[in-house]
Amino acid sequence: MVLNKINIVIDKSFDFAIKIIDLYKYLRYEKKEYVLSKQLLRSGTSIGANVEEAQAAQSKKDFISKMSISSKEARETHYWLRLLRRSNYIAKDEIIQDCEELIRLLTSIVKSSETNN
């Protein structure tokens, strides 16, 4: 079951990173917003990078650590997205929902991995 979730989170985090990059370009070049957009880019693309690193973990503890970092980055990204939404830089809630789905998946993977440790 965890392996299935891992495969899903690999794909979803990569697709999410692409959406974040597109949103970053929009914020940077259309809205001329430089600070928040950079924070969003860093945390939003870091999710998938840490998921990928977890695939080469040297131990179960290392795997859990990388996935936990991914989860934290997803939560930070969620914060920036909500902030951008509330300050009217973005109108769509879809990307926020995608982020929430990633948070749920990552939380589930971390908890399942810790239980099976």
Protein backbone atom coordinates (compact mmCIF):
# COMPACT_ATOMS: atom_id res chain seq x y z
CA MET A 1 0.00 0.00 0.00
CA VAL A 2 2.80 2.43 0.90
CA LEU A 3 4.62 1.59 -2.35
CA ASN A 4 1.51 2.54 -4.32
CA LYS A 5 1.30 5.88 -2.51
CA ILE A 6 5.00 6.49 -3.14
CA ASN A 7 4.55 5.99 -6.89
CA ILE A 8 1.58 8.35 -6.84
CA VAL A 9 3.41 11.02 -4.82
CA ILE A 10 6.41 10.89 -7.18
CA ASP A 11 4.18 11.75 -10.15
CA LYS A 12 1.98 14.23 -8.30
CA SER A 13 4.91 16.12 -6.78
CA PHE A 14 6.58 16.44 -10.19
CA ASP A 15 3.36 17.67 -11.83
CA PHE A 16 2.85 20.05 -8.91
CA ALA A 17 6.37 21.47 -9.39
CA ILE A 18 5.53 22.25 -13.02
CA LYS A 19 2.41 24.12 -11.88
CA ILE A 20 4.49 26.02 -9.33
CA ILE A 21 7.01 27.01 -12.00
CA ASP A 22 4.20 28.24 -14.24
CA LEU A 23 2.67 30.18 -11.35
CA TYR A 24 6.08 31.65 -10.50
CA LYS A 25 6.48 32.91 -14.08
CA TYR A 26 3.01 34.46 -13.96
CA LEU A 27 3.66 36.15 -10.60
CA ARG A 28 7.10 37.36 -11.61
CA TYR A 29 6.42 38.61 -15.11
CA GLU A 30 2.72 39.48 -15.11
CA LYS A 31 2.16 40.63 -11.53
CA LYS A 32 5.71 41.90 -10.88
CA GLU A 33 5.75 40.09 -7.53
CA TYR A 34 9.31 39.02 -6.69
CA VAL A 35 9.57 38.10 -3.01
CA LEU A 36 6.62 35.78 -2.39
CA SER A 37 6.98 34.17 -5.80
CA LYS A 38 10.59 33.20 -5.06
CA GLN A 39 9.62 31.69 -1.71
CA LEU A 40 6.86 29.73 -3.43
CA LEU A 41 9.23 28.51 -6.15
CA ARG A 42 11.77 27.25 -3.62
CA SER A 43 9.35 25.40 -1.36
CA GLY A 44 7.04 24.18 -4.12
CA THR A 45 9.79 22.57 -6.19
CA SER A 46 11.56 21.23 -3.12
CA ILE A 47 8.67 18.85 -2.40
CA GLY A 48 9.36 16.67 -5.42
CA ALA A 49 13.13 16.99 -5.07
CA ASN A 50 12.98 15.51 -1.59
CA VAL A 51 10.57 12.78 -2.71
CA GLU A 52 13.11 11.86 -5.40
CA GLU A 53 15.96 11.88 -2.88
CA ALA A 54 13.94 9.56 -0.64
CA GLN A 55 13.93 6.96 -3.42
CA ALA A 56 17.70 6.59 -2.96
CA ALA A 57 17.58 6.60 0.83
CA GLN A 58 20.34 4.67 2.57
CA SER A 59 18.02 3.43 5.30
CA LYS A 60 14.42 3.47 6.42
CA LYS A 61 15.29 6.31 8.80
CA ASP A 62 16.79 8.29 5.90
CA PHE A 63 13.66 7.61 3.80
CA ILE A 64 11.38 8.85 6.58
CA SER A 65 13.57 11.92 7.05
CA LYS A 66 13.43 12.89 3.35
CA MET A 67 9.68 12.31 3.16
CA SER A 68 9.20 14.35 6.35
CA ILE A 69 11.16 17.21 4.80
CA SER A 70 8.92 16.92 1.73
CA SER A 71 5.88 17.14 3.98
CA LYS A 72 7.26 20.25 5.69
CA GLU A 73 7.99 21.86 2.33
CA ALA A 74 4.44 21.08 1.20
CA ARG A 75 3.07 22.76 4.30
CA GLU A 76 5.25 25.81 3.70
CA THR A 77 4.08 25.93 0.09
CA HIS A 78 0.48 25.73 1.30
CA TYR A 79 1.14 28.78 3.47
CA TRP A 80 2.56 30.81 0.54
CA LEU A 81 -0.33 29.79 -1.71
CA ARG A 82 -2.91 30.80 0.88
CA LEU A 83 -1.11 34.10 1.38
CA LEU A 84 -1.06 34.76 -2.36
CA ARG A 85 -4.74 33.87 -2.58
CA ARG A 86 -5.74 36.14 0.30
CA SER A 87 -3.70 39.03 -1.07
CA ASN A 88 -5.43 38.61 -4.45
CA TYR A 89 -2.34 37.62 -6.44
CA ILE A 90 -4.02 34.38 -7.45
CA ALA A 91 -7.68 33.57 -7.85
CA LYS A 92 -7.76 29.79 -8.34
CA ASP A 93 -8.04 27.42 -5.43
CA GLU A 94 -7.14 24.39 -7.58
CA ILE A 95 -3.41 24.62 -6.89
CA ILE A 96 -4.14 24.96 -3.17
CA GLN A 97 -6.22 21.78 -3.36
CA ASP A 98 -3.38 20.02 -5.19
CA CYS A 99 -1.03 21.07 -2.40
CA GLU A 100 -3.44 19.80 0.26
CA GLU A 101 -3.61 16.45 -1.54
CA LEU A 102 0.19 16.23 -1.50
CA ILE A 103 0.22 17.03 2.22
CA ARG A 104 -2.27 14.21 2.90
CA LEU A 105 -0.27 11.73 0.80
CA LEU A 106 3.06 12.64 2.37
CA THR A 107 1.62 12.55 5.89
CA SER A 108 0.18 9.12 5.22
CA ILE A 109 3.48 7.81 3.81
CA VAL A 110 5.48 9.15 6.77
CA LYS A 111 3.05 7.74 9.33
CA SER A 112 2.87 4.34 7.60
CA SER A 113 6.65 4.19 7.32
CA GLU A 114 7.12 5.07 10.97
CA THR A 115 4.58 2.42 12.02
CA ASN A 116 6.33 -0.25 9.96
CA ASN A 117 9.73 0.77 11.31
